[in-house]
Amino acid sequence: MAGELKIRPLGDRIVVKVIEETETTPGGIFIPDSAREKSQKGEVLAAGPGKILEDGKREEMEVKVGDIVLFAKYGGQDIKVANVEYKILSVKDVYGVIEK
């Protein structure tokens, strides 16, 4: 993480930096944040060790630091630090990883 936010997620949780996409209409009009839908894309900055299963073993995390993920619109907890938006999500709120 960039040093400004030091959070170690627990269990199957991840910390995601929300990627805001600027939006402009075809006519060139900029749409401000307040009028846009919440972004559902972000970069994984930290990942927990995984959920502990009933047999005591730990489930492997399906995402890793650096992955760009799509997540549930209303999933997780929003956090804002130094005007940057972050989310703490459970892996179950992640729909997929964007492959490059």
Protein backbone atom coordinates (compact mmCIF):
# COMPACT_ATOMS: atom_id res chain seq x y z
CA MET A 1 0.00 0.00 0.00
CA ALA A 2 1.07 3.55 -0.64
CA GLY A 3 1.86 4.21 3.01
CA GLU A 4 -1.12 6.48 3.69
CA LEU A 5 -3.40 3.62 4.69
CA LYS A 6 -2.18 0.74 6.81
CA ILE A 7 -4.90 -1.86 7.20
CA ARG A 8 -4.33 -5.60 7.51
CA PRO A 9 -7.60 -7.27 6.51
CA LEU A 10 -8.71 -10.35 8.43
CA GLY A 11 -10.13 -13.63 7.16
CA ASP A 12 -11.48 -13.46 3.62
CA ARG A 13 -11.52 -9.65 3.42
CA ILE A 14 -9.62 -7.37 1.05
CA VAL A 15 -8.83 -3.65 0.92
CA VAL A 16 -9.58 -2.13 -2.48
CA LYS A 17 -8.70 1.32 -3.83
CA VAL A 18 -11.73 2.38 -5.84
CA ILE A 19 -10.91 3.28 -9.45
CA GLU A 20 -13.02 6.28 -10.43
CA GLU A 21 -13.64 6.51 -14.12
CA THR A 22 -14.15 10.00 -15.47
CA GLU A 23 -17.25 10.23 -17.54
CA THR A 24 -17.96 12.61 -20.40
CA THR A 25 -21.02 12.64 -22.63
CA PRO A 26 -20.62 12.23 -26.42
CA GLY A 27 -21.07 16.04 -26.66
CA GLY A 28 -18.06 16.60 -24.36
CA ILE A 29 -19.92 17.47 -21.14
CA PHE A 30 -18.16 16.22 -18.00
CA ILE A 31 -20.44 14.36 -15.57
CA PRO A 32 -19.48 15.11 -11.92
CA ASP A 33 -19.10 12.39 -9.27
CA SER A 34 -22.37 13.39 -7.58
CA ALA A 35 -24.36 12.61 -10.74
CA ARG A 36 -22.63 9.32 -11.58
CA GLU A 37 -23.16 5.77 -10.40
CA LYS A 38 -20.70 4.46 -7.80
CA SER A 39 -17.70 2.76 -9.35
CA GLN A 40 -17.62 -1.01 -8.97
CA LYS A 41 -13.99 -1.44 -9.99
CA GLY A 42 -10.87 -1.25 -7.86
CA GLU A 43 -7.31 -2.39 -7.24
CA VAL A 44 -6.62 -4.84 -4.42
CA LEU A 45 -4.14 -3.20 -2.02
CA ALA A 46 -4.20 -5.84 0.74
CA ALA A 47 -5.71 -9.30 1.19
CA GLY A 48 -6.43 -11.30 4.32
CA PRO A 49 -5.10 -14.82 4.84
CA GLY A 50 -8.40 -16.50 3.88
CA LYS A 51 -11.43 -17.84 5.71
CA ILE A 52 -11.00 -20.70 8.19
CA LEU A 53 -13.11 -23.68 7.12
CA GLU A 54 -15.04 -26.06 9.42
CA ASP A 55 -12.20 -28.59 9.27
CA GLY A 56 -9.77 -25.93 10.58
CA LYS A 57 -7.96 -25.49 7.27
CA ARG A 58 -7.71 -22.08 5.65
CA GLU A 59 -9.42 -21.44 2.31
CA GLU A 60 -7.02 -20.01 -0.28
CA MET A 61 -7.77 -16.43 -1.41
CA GLU A 62 -8.89 -16.11 -5.02
CA VAL A 63 -7.56 -12.56 -5.40
CA LYS A 64 -4.14 -11.09 -4.73
CA VAL A 65 -2.57 -7.68 -4.24
CA GLY A 66 -2.45 -5.83 -7.56
CA ASP A 67 -5.55 -7.48 -9.07
CA ILE A 68 -8.17 -5.19 -10.60
CA VAL A 69 -11.56 -6.48 -9.47
CA LEU A 70 -15.25 -5.86 -10.10
CA PHE A 71 -17.31 -5.86 -6.91
CA ALA A 72 -20.91 -5.59 -5.74
CA LYS A 73 -22.33 -2.07 -5.95
CA TYR A 74 -23.38 -1.95 -2.31
CA GLY A 75 -20.90 -4.49 -0.93
CA GLY A 76 -18.33 -3.81 1.74
CA GLN A 77 -17.54 -0.82 3.90
CA ASP A 78 -16.53 2.55 2.38
CA ILE A 79 -13.54 4.38 3.85
CA LYS A 80 -12.14 7.72 2.68
CA VAL A 81 -8.57 8.74 3.58
CA ALA A 82 -6.87 11.88 2.19
CA ASN A 83 -9.66 12.26 -0.38
CA VAL A 84 -9.08 8.72 -1.73
CA GLU A 85 -11.92 6.21 -1.56
CA TYR A 86 -11.23 2.68 -0.34
CA LYS A 87 -13.47 -0.30 0.37
CA ILE A 88 -13.07 -3.24 2.70
CA LEU A 89 -14.84 -6.18 1.07
CA SER A 90 -15.37 -9.84 1.66
CA VAL A 91 -14.16 -11.93 -1.28
CA LYS A 92 -17.78 -13.09 -1.75
CA ASP A 93 -18.59 -9.49 -2.84
CA VAL A 94 -16.06 -9.73 -5.69
CA TYR A 95 -17.60 -10.75 -9.02
CA GLY A 96 -14.35 -11.24 -10.91
CA VAL A 97 -10.81 -10.19 -11.73
CA ILE A 98 -10.17 -8.09 -14.84
CA GLU A 99 -7.47 -9.88 -16.82
CA LYS A 100 -4.93 -7.74 -18.70
